[in-house]
Amino acid sequence: MFSPSFSPIIVGLEIGTSKVCAVVGDLNPGGVLNIVGVGQARSRGVRKGEIIDPEIAEEDVRNAIAEAEQMADVEIRSVCLGVSGSHVRGLNNRGVHPVVSADREIVEEDTQDALRNAKVVNMPAETEILHAIRQHFLVDGQSVTNPVGMSGGKLEVDVHVVCGNGHRLRNAIRAVRNLQLEVDELAFNGLASSLALLTGEQKEMGALVIDLGAGTTDYAVYSEGVIKHTGALAVGGDHVTNDLAHGLKVPLSRAEQLKIEHGAARLDESVKGRLITLTNELGLPLKTINVEHLQRIMSLRLQEILEVVAEDVRQTGLLHYLSAGVFLCGGGARIPAIAQLAGQIFPADVHLGKANSISGLKSALDQPEFATAIGLVKFRSFKHKTHGSRGGFLGGLRGALEQMRGRG
């Protein structure tokens, strides 16, 4: 049952580098999530996933929220806010708790103590925990699903911790609150995207989700039903545009246009020898662009980004356990031949991700750039289902432990 204060409207808000996206979900009392509205605005106050001009960022958020309200015919009062940036990182940690009762029977308090101990991580003072997601319990070294009621001398729990710089997280929160909107929850964009795309079966089999954004590349790895690794690179599609502007000696705006109209992640043999003549406002020729050269520049940068992700995952020992495959989302997933390029780098099948287990606007569910915002709605819906009230992150930026094993 939901609490009396339950609101069926859930909003996921992603303040990205190239766009601000707000997705409205309607959660019925039966727990079925339906996407009923989407709002977008060009993002101008964000660089590499982080706000650098609050005033402009607030205006862009306002525009995206207004569009989502109009489409969904609702008044938005609060959001689940996605965050990213180079300061966000993931790590695995183990909490240990001795069972001290006379009969050594494990009770719920013991599990909570073990979980609290798992959150004690040696980090800089300004670091705040976004998520501490339970992976496995162990009783005297034996892996168990639920230790309550078992006998043992030592209870352990493995968790995946996602943390970030508290000051930089507050900048994103402040931009939203200045618009008289509440922030119900914060969530890492890479986690949100994986919640939107992966089924429970894919999480069990092993899967990697890569969100290719304009300013960041976020990723998450699942295995045996639980999240095992996350990461965020402050590199994305904007860096491809910068490379094109430098390599082709054209302005950034023209480089972005060329990327969209003629770009590809791998060289298309049919473009060899093809030339494009750029003109000025009067239609007079300015210079000639070699399309083969353009695509080679793009391919090299995209290959570098994917190889950095692959190497990071390889170091965890999970690279060869991605039986369900690699799933691409974000605006970068629209680049022609990006799946083929990723297939050369990862020893797994590569898929263009689509939202699952959600109904509603087909136009939004099939768009790779909406995966994060849809996942934020799904993330928040879990809290409604399990708690019926707001999460605890914003009370001093200390998020409650997320027990999300196998949720899809």
Protein backbone atom coordinates (compact mmCIF):
# COMPACT_ATOMS: atom_id res chain seq x y z
CA MET A 1 0.00 0.00 0.00
CA PHE A 2 1.14 3.56 -0.71
CA SER A 3 1.17 6.17 2.01
CA PRO A 4 -1.66 8.76 2.09
CA SER A 5 0.80 11.37 0.77
CA PHE A 6 1.60 9.31 -2.30
CA SER A 7 1.59 11.27 -5.55
CA PRO A 8 1.24 9.17 -8.71
CA ILE A 9 3.24 11.71 -10.75
CA ILE A 10 7.00 11.09 -10.89
CA VAL A 11 9.38 13.29 -12.85
CA GLY A 12 12.91 12.43 -13.94
CA LEU A 13 15.11 15.42 -14.74
CA GLU A 14 18.44 15.19 -16.56
CA ILE A 15 20.40 18.43 -16.86
CA GLY A 16 22.77 17.30 -19.57
CA THR A 17 25.54 19.01 -21.49
CA SER A 18 23.59 19.37 -24.76
CA LYS A 19 19.99 19.09 -23.55
CA VAL A 20 17.77 19.30 -20.50
CA CYS A 21 15.20 16.51 -20.47
CA ALA A 22 12.20 16.08 -18.17
CA VAL A 23 10.14 12.88 -18.33
CA VAL A 24 6.80 12.55 -16.52
CA GLY A 25 5.67 9.14 -15.30
CA ASP A 26 2.30 8.15 -13.87
CA LEU A 27 2.51 5.33 -11.31
CA ASN A 28 -0.85 3.73 -10.65
CA PRO A 29 -1.72 2.08 -7.29
CA GLY A 30 -0.92 -1.30 -8.84
CA GLY A 31 2.68 -0.20 -9.42
CA VAL A 32 2.44 0.07 -13.22
CA LEU A 33 4.54 2.92 -14.60
CA ASN A 34 3.31 4.84 -17.64
CA ILE A 35 5.25 7.63 -19.39
CA VAL A 36 2.81 10.49 -20.08
CA GLY A 37 4.97 13.49 -20.93
CA VAL A 38 8.39 14.62 -22.14
CA GLY A 39 9.95 18.08 -22.21
CA GLN A 40 13.25 19.13 -23.75
CA ALA A 41 15.33 22.28 -23.97
CA ARG A 42 18.77 23.04 -25.34
CA SER A 43 21.31 23.05 -22.51
CA ARG A 44 23.63 26.07 -22.46
CA GLY A 45 24.90 26.32 -18.89
CA VAL A 46 26.48 22.88 -18.51
CA ARG A 47 29.92 21.58 -19.40
CA LYS A 48 31.09 17.98 -19.01
CA GLY A 49 27.90 17.13 -17.14
CA GLU A 50 28.23 19.88 -14.53
CA ILE A 51 26.59 23.29 -14.20
CA ILE A 52 28.92 26.20 -14.96
CA ASP A 53 26.30 28.96 -15.42
CA PRO A 54 23.43 28.52 -12.93
CA GLU A 55 21.28 31.34 -14.30
CA ILE A 56 21.23 29.99 -17.85
CA ALA A 57 20.87 26.39 -16.62
CA GLU A 58 17.82 27.37 -14.56
CA GLU A 59 16.20 28.97 -17.60
CA ASP A 60 16.76 25.81 -19.65
CA VAL A 61 15.34 23.62 -16.87
CA ARG A 62 12.30 25.90 -16.64
CA ASN A 63 11.67 25.52 -20.37
CA ALA A 64 11.97 21.72 -20.29
CA ILE A 65 9.69 21.45 -17.24
CA ALA A 66 7.08 23.73 -18.85
CA GLU A 67 7.01 21.59 -22.00
CA ALA A 68 6.67 18.38 -19.96
CA GLU A 69 3.85 19.91 -17.90
CA GLN A 70 1.99 20.92 -21.03
CA MET A 71 2.29 17.48 -22.65
CA ALA A 72 1.34 15.57 -19.50
CA ASP A 73 -1.26 18.14 -18.38
CA VAL A 74 0.11 18.18 -14.83
CA GLU A 75 1.77 20.63 -12.47
CA ILE A 76 5.30 19.47 -11.63
CA ARG A 77 6.32 20.18 -8.04
CA SER A 78 9.25 17.82 -7.52
CA VAL A 79 11.79 15.81 -9.52
CA CYS A 80 14.23 12.94 -9.29
CA LEU A 81 17.45 14.60 -10.44
CA GLY A 82 20.19 12.83 -12.35
CA VAL A 83 23.84 13.73 -11.80
CA SER A 84 27.13 12.99 -13.54
CA GLY A 85 30.61 14.40 -13.95
CA SER A 86 34.22 13.46 -13.48
CA HIS A 87 33.83 13.67 -9.68
CA VAL A 88 31.38 10.74 -9.60
CA ARG A 89 32.96 7.33 -9.04
CA GLY A 90 31.94 3.84 -8.02
CA LEU A 91 33.64 1.32 -5.75
CA ASN A 92 32.85 -1.94 -4.00
CA ASN A 93 33.10 -2.25 -0.24
CA ARG A 94 32.38 -4.87 2.43
CA GLY A 95 30.78 -4.30 5.79
CA VAL A 96 31.49 -6.70 8.66
CA HIS A 97 29.38 -7.16 11.76
CA PRO A 98 29.96 -9.69 14.58
CA VAL A 99 26.81 -11.49 15.76
CA VAL A 100 26.90 -11.06 19.52
CA SER A 101 23.55 -12.45 20.67
CA ALA A 102 23.71 -15.46 23.01
CA ASP A 103 22.19 -17.87 20.51
CA ARG A 104 24.03 -16.26 17.56
CA GLU A 105 20.78 -15.93 15.62
CA ILE A 106 20.93 -13.11 13.07
CA VAL A 107 18.14 -10.53 13.33
CA GLU A 108 17.22 -7.55 11.14
CA GLU A 109 19.25 -5.18 13.34
CA ASP A 110 22.38 -7.19 12.53
CA THR A 111 21.83 -6.73 8.79
CA GLN A 112 21.34 -3.00 9.24
CA ASP A 113 24.54 -2.75 11.29
CA ALA A 114 26.46 -4.61 8.57
CA LEU A 115 25.03 -2.30 5.91
CA ARG A 116 25.98 0.78 7.94
CA ASN A 117 29.52 -0.54 8.31
CA ALA A 118 29.72 -1.08 4.55
CA LYS A 119 29.12 2.64 4.03
CA VAL A 120 32.23 3.54 5.99
CA VAL A 121 34.62 4.28 3.14
CA ASN A 122 37.91 6.14 3.30
CA MET A 123 37.19 9.18 1.11
CA PRO A 124 37.98 12.91 1.08
CA ALA A 125 35.92 14.95 3.53
CA GLU A 126 33.85 16.65 0.81
CA THR A 127 32.77 13.31 -0.72
CA GLU A 128 29.13 12.28 -0.29
CA ILE A 129 27.56 8.89 -0.94
CA LEU A 130 24.89 8.85 -3.65
CA HIS A 131 24.11 5.14 -3.55
CA ALA A 132 25.18 2.15 -1.49
CA ILE A 133 23.59 -0.79 -3.29
CA ARG A 134 23.52 -4.20 -1.66
CA GLN A 135 25.13 -7.01 -3.61
CA HIS A 136 25.49 -10.08 -1.35
CA PHE A 137 25.26 -11.14 2.28
CA LEU A 138 27.70 -13.67 3.74
CA VAL A 139 27.31 -15.65 6.96
CA ASP A 140 30.62 -17.07 8.17
CA GLY A 141 31.88 -16.81 4.60
CA GLN A 142 28.84 -18.47 2.97
CA SER A 143 26.92 -16.35 0.44
CA VAL A 144 23.22 -16.11 1.33
CA THR A 145 20.22 -14.19 0.03
CA ASN A 146 18.60 -13.37 3.37
CA PRO A 147 20.59 -13.97 6.58
CA VAL A 148 17.76 -13.14 9.01
CA GLY A 149 16.93 -16.20 11.10
CA MET A 150 20.22 -17.96 10.36
CA SER A 151 22.90 -18.74 12.95
CA GLY A 152 26.43 -17.45 12.58
CA GLY A 153 29.29 -15.64 14.23
CA LYS A 154 30.13 -13.12 11.49
CA LEU A 155 27.77 -11.33 9.12
CA GLU A 156 29.20 -9.57 6.07
CA VAL A 157 27.62 -7.62 3.23
CA ASP A 158 29.10 -6.49 -0.08
CA VAL A 159 27.83 -3.20 -1.48
CA HIS A 160 28.51 -1.04 -4.51
CA VAL A 161 29.03 2.57 -3.45
CA VAL A 162 28.56 5.50 -5.85
CA CYS A 163 29.85 8.78 -4.51
CA GLY A 164 30.57 12.31 -5.64
CA ASN A 165 31.76 15.74 -4.54
CA GLY A 166 29.13 17.20 -2.21
CA HIS A 167 29.66 20.81 -3.31
CA ARG A 168 29.19 19.95 -6.97
CA LEU A 169 26.10 17.87 -6.20
CA ARG A 170 24.58 20.81 -4.33
CA ASN A 171 25.06 23.06 -7.36
CA ALA A 172 22.67 20.86 -9.33
CA ILE A 173 20.18 20.73 -6.46
CA ARG A 174 20.27 24.51 -6.04
CA ALA A 175 19.53 25.12 -9.72
CA VAL A 176 16.32 23.09 -9.38
CA ARG A 177 15.21 24.49 -6.02
CA ASN A 178 15.63 28.04 -7.29
CA LEU A 179 12.70 27.24 -9.60
CA GLN A 180 10.51 26.38 -6.58
CA LEU A 181 10.82 22.68 -7.34
CA GLU A 182 11.72 20.06 -4.75
CA VAL A 183 14.40 17.45 -5.38
CA ASP A 184 12.99 14.17 -4.12
CA GLU A 185 16.04 12.12 -4.97
CA LEU A 186 19.45 12.22 -6.60
CA ALA A 187 20.65 9.36 -8.79
CA PHE A 188 23.74 8.71 -10.88
CA ASN A 189 22.86 8.95 -14.57
CA GLY A 190 24.67 5.72 -15.43
CA LEU A 191 22.61 3.80 -12.87
CA ALA A 192 19.39 5.40 -14.11
CA SER A 193 20.11 4.46 -17.73
CA SER A 194 20.74 0.84 -16.75
CA LEU A 195 17.43 0.70 -14.87
CA ALA A 196 15.62 1.91 -17.98
CA LEU A 197 17.25 -0.54 -20.39
CA LEU A 198 17.99 -3.83 -18.63
CA THR A 199 15.67 -6.65 -17.68
CA GLY A 200 16.24 -8.79 -14.61
CA GLU A 201 17.38 -11.65 -16.83
CA GLN A 202 19.98 -9.46 -18.56
CA LYS A 203 21.31 -8.35 -15.18
CA GLU A 204 21.68 -12.01 -14.17
CA MET A 205 23.48 -12.88 -17.41
CA GLY A 206 25.86 -9.92 -17.22
CA ALA A 207 25.48 -6.64 -19.07
CA LEU A 208 27.22 -3.33 -19.63
CA VAL A 209 25.24 -0.13 -20.28
CA ILE A 210 27.12 2.80 -21.82
CA ASP A 211 25.42 6.20 -21.94
CA LEU A 212 27.18 8.26 -24.62
CA GLY A 213 26.33 11.87 -23.79
CA ALA A 214 27.61 15.16 -25.13
CA GLY A 215 29.84 15.96 -22.17
CA THR A 216 30.16 12.67 -20.30
CA THR A 217 30.16 8.93 -20.89
CA ASP A 218 28.52 7.08 -17.99
CA TYR A 219 28.45 3.31 -17.63
CA ALA A 220 27.30 0.52 -15.35
CA VAL A 221 28.07 -3.20 -15.22
CA TYR A 222 25.72 -5.88 -13.88
CA SER A 223 26.51 -9.50 -13.15
CA GLU A 224 24.64 -12.19 -11.24
CA GLY A 225 21.70 -9.83 -10.90
CA VAL A 226 23.49 -7.03 -9.09
CA ILE A 227 25.42 -3.94 -10.06
CA LYS A 228 29.14 -4.61 -9.87
CA HIS A 229 30.81 -1.51 -11.32
CA THR A 230 30.06 2.07 -12.40
CA GLY A 231 32.07 4.86 -13.94
CA ALA A 232 31.88 8.33 -15.46
CA LEU A 233 34.22 9.84 -18.04
CA ALA A 234 34.20 13.59 -18.67
CA VAL A 235 34.43 12.89 -22.40
CA GLY A 236 31.61 12.68 -24.92
CA GLY A 237 30.14 13.87 -28.18
CA ASP A 238 31.31 17.46 -27.69
CA HIS A 239 34.90 16.22 -27.81
CA VAL A 240 34.18 14.63 -31.18
CA THR A 241 32.89 18.01 -32.37
CA ASN A 242 36.00 19.73 -31.04
CA ASP A 243 38.21 17.26 -32.87
CA LEU A 244 36.33 17.90 -36.11
CA ALA A 245 36.56 21.67 -35.71
CA HIS A 246 40.31 21.40 -35.19
CA GLY A 247 40.98 18.76 -37.84
CA LEU A 248 38.78 20.27 -40.52
CA LYS A 249 39.56 23.87 -39.55
CA VAL A 250 35.92 24.93 -39.28
CA PRO A 251 33.92 26.70 -36.52
CA LEU A 252 32.38 24.53 -33.78
CA SER A 253 28.84 25.14 -35.01
CA ARG A 254 29.76 24.00 -38.52
CA ALA A 255 31.64 20.99 -37.10
CA GLU A 256 28.55 19.92 -35.16
CA GLN A 257 26.44 20.20 -38.31
CA LEU A 258 28.94 18.13 -40.31
CA LYS A 259 29.02 15.50 -37.55
CA ILE A 260 25.24 15.11 -37.63
CA GLU A 261 24.87 15.16 -41.41
CA HIS A 262 27.92 13.19 -42.58
CA GLY A 263 29.47 11.57 -39.49
CA ALA A 264 29.94 7.89 -38.69
CA ALA A 265 31.72 5.84 -36.06
CA ARG A 266 33.45 3.75 -38.73
CA LEU A 267 34.58 4.71 -42.19
CA ASP A 268 31.85 4.09 -44.74
CA GLU A 269 33.63 2.81 -47.86
CA SER A 270 31.06 4.54 -50.05
CA VAL A 271 32.27 7.99 -49.00
CA LYS A 272 35.83 7.54 -50.21
CA GLY A 273 36.66 10.38 -52.55
CA ARG A 274 33.49 12.29 -51.62
CA LEU A 275 33.92 16.02 -51.11
CA ILE A 276 31.58 18.58 -49.54
CA THR A 277 31.73 22.24 -50.50
CA LEU A 278 30.93 24.58 -47.62
CA THR A 279 29.37 27.91 -48.51
CA ASN A 280 28.86 31.20 -46.70
CA GLU A 281 25.60 33.04 -46.05
CA LEU A 282 25.56 34.27 -49.65
CA GLY A 283 26.02 30.78 -51.05
CA LEU A 284 29.59 31.42 -52.11
CA PRO A 285 32.07 28.54 -51.67
CA LEU A 286 34.31 28.75 -48.61
CA LYS A 287 36.22 25.47 -48.52
CA THR A 288 36.01 21.79 -49.40
CA ILE A 289 35.69 19.00 -46.81
CA ASN A 290 36.83 15.41 -47.40
CA VAL A 291 34.12 13.16 -45.90
CA GLU A 292 36.57 10.26 -45.47
CA HIS A 293 38.82 12.51 -43.38
CA LEU A 294 35.80 13.63 -41.32
CA GLN A 295 34.75 10.07 -40.51
CA ARG A 296 38.29 8.99 -39.65
CA ILE A 297 38.55 11.81 -37.10
CA MET A 298 35.25 10.77 -35.52
CA SER A 299 36.14 7.10 -35.48
CA LEU A 300 39.43 7.67 -33.67
CA ARG A 301 37.87 9.71 -30.86
CA LEU A 302 34.91 7.34 -30.40
CA GLN A 303 37.23 4.35 -30.42
CA GLU A 304 39.33 5.99 -27.71
CA ILE A 305 36.27 6.61 -25.50
CA LEU A 306 35.02 3.04 -25.83
CA GLU A 307 38.50 1.59 -25.26
CA VAL A 308 38.84 3.55 -22.00
CA VAL A 309 35.54 2.07 -20.80
CA ALA A 310 36.58 -1.43 -21.93
CA GLU A 311 39.90 -1.19 -20.11
CA ASP A 312 38.23 -0.01 -16.91
CA VAL A 313 35.75 -2.90 -17.05
CA ARG A 314 38.56 -5.32 -17.90
CA GLN A 315 40.38 -4.36 -14.70
CA THR A 316 37.33 -5.45 -12.68
CA GLY A 317 37.52 -8.92 -14.26
CA LEU A 318 34.00 -8.56 -15.69
CA LEU A 319 34.75 -7.83 -19.35
CA HIS A 320 34.34 -11.45 -20.45
CA TYR A 321 31.18 -12.03 -18.39
CA LEU A 322 28.81 -9.82 -20.38
CA SER A 323 26.64 -12.64 -21.73
CA ALA A 324 23.64 -10.36 -22.29
CA GLY A 325 25.85 -7.90 -24.15
CA VAL A 326 26.67 -4.21 -24.27
CA PHE A 327 23.80 -1.72 -24.47
CA LEU A 328 24.33 1.77 -25.88
CA CYS A 329 22.15 4.80 -25.15
CA GLY A 330 22.42 8.58 -25.03
CA GLY A 331 22.66 10.85 -28.05
CA GLY A 332 25.90 9.15 -29.12
CA ALA A 333 23.98 5.93 -29.75
CA ARG A 334 22.48 7.65 -32.81
CA ILE A 335 25.87 7.89 -34.55
CA PRO A 336 25.85 5.60 -37.61
CA ALA A 337 27.92 2.41 -37.13
CA ILE A 338 28.52 3.07 -33.41
CA ALA A 339 27.35 -0.47 -32.55
CA GLN A 340 29.73 -1.96 -35.11
CA LEU A 341 32.63 0.03 -33.67
CA ALA A 342 31.77 -1.08 -30.14
CA GLY A 343 31.55 -4.66 -31.41
CA GLN A 344 35.21 -4.46 -32.42
CA ILE A 345 36.21 -3.40 -28.91
CA PHE A 346 33.99 -5.45 -26.58
CA PRO A 347 33.94 -9.28 -26.57
CA ALA A 348 30.12 -9.27 -26.49
CA ASP A 349 27.09 -8.54 -28.62
CA VAL A 350 26.30 -4.84 -28.86
CA HIS A 351 22.73 -3.50 -28.84
CA LEU A 352 21.10 -0.10 -29.15
CA GLY A 353 19.21 0.12 -25.87
CA LYS A 354 15.46 0.69 -25.55
CA ALA A 355 13.46 1.26 -22.40
CA ASN A 356 11.77 -1.88 -21.02
CA SER A 357 9.02 -2.70 -18.51
CA ILE A 358 7.46 0.72 -19.04
CA SER A 359 4.43 1.73 -21.08
CA GLY A 360 3.43 5.06 -22.52
CA LEU A 361 4.80 7.40 -25.16
CA LYS A 362 6.36 5.20 -27.83
CA SER A 363 8.18 8.23 -29.24
CA ALA A 364 10.07 8.65 -25.96
CA LEU A 365 10.62 5.00 -25.06
CA ASP A 366 12.42 4.29 -28.34
CA GLN A 367 14.74 7.30 -28.22
CA PRO A 368 18.23 6.49 -26.83
CA GLU A 369 18.72 10.04 -25.52
CA PHE A 370 15.71 9.68 -23.18
CA ALA A 371 17.03 6.57 -21.40
CA THR A 372 18.50 8.45 -18.44
CA ALA A 373 15.41 10.54 -17.67
CA ILE A 374 13.15 7.50 -18.06
CA GLY A 375 15.46 5.57 -15.73
CA LEU A 376 15.23 8.37 -13.17
CA VAL A 377 11.45 7.98 -13.18
CA LYS A 378 11.88 4.24 -12.70
CA PHE A 379 14.42 4.76 -9.89
CA ARG A 380 12.02 7.04 -8.04
CA SER A 381 9.13 4.63 -8.58
CA PHE A 382 11.07 1.98 -6.63
CA LYS A 383 11.10 4.29 -3.63
CA HIS A 384 7.34 4.77 -3.85
CA LYS A 385 6.83 1.01 -4.02
CA THR A 386 9.12 0.22 -1.09
CA HIS A 387 8.71 3.27 1.15
CA GLY A 388 5.78 5.30 -0.12
CA SER A 389 7.68 8.46 0.80
CA ARG A 390 10.64 10.52 -0.19
CA GLY A 391 14.09 9.06 -0.04
CA GLY A 392 16.72 10.15 2.43
CA PHE A 393 19.56 11.48 0.30
CA LEU A 394 18.76 15.13 0.71
CA GLY A 395 18.71 15.00 4.48
CA GLY A 396 22.37 15.99 4.70
CA LEU A 397 23.14 14.35 1.35
CA ARG A 398 23.23 10.89 2.87
CA GLY A 399 21.33 8.50 0.64
CA ALA A 400 19.51 5.53 2.12
CA LEU A 401 20.89 2.14 1.18
CA GLU A 402 19.34 0.98 -2.09
CA GLN A 403 18.33 -2.67 -1.99
CA MET A 404 17.79 -3.07 -5.71
CA ARG A 405 18.97 -6.59 -6.42
CA GLY A 406 17.64 -7.80 -9.74
CA ARG A 407 15.09 -5.04 -10.19
CA GLY A 408 14.22 -4.51 -13.82
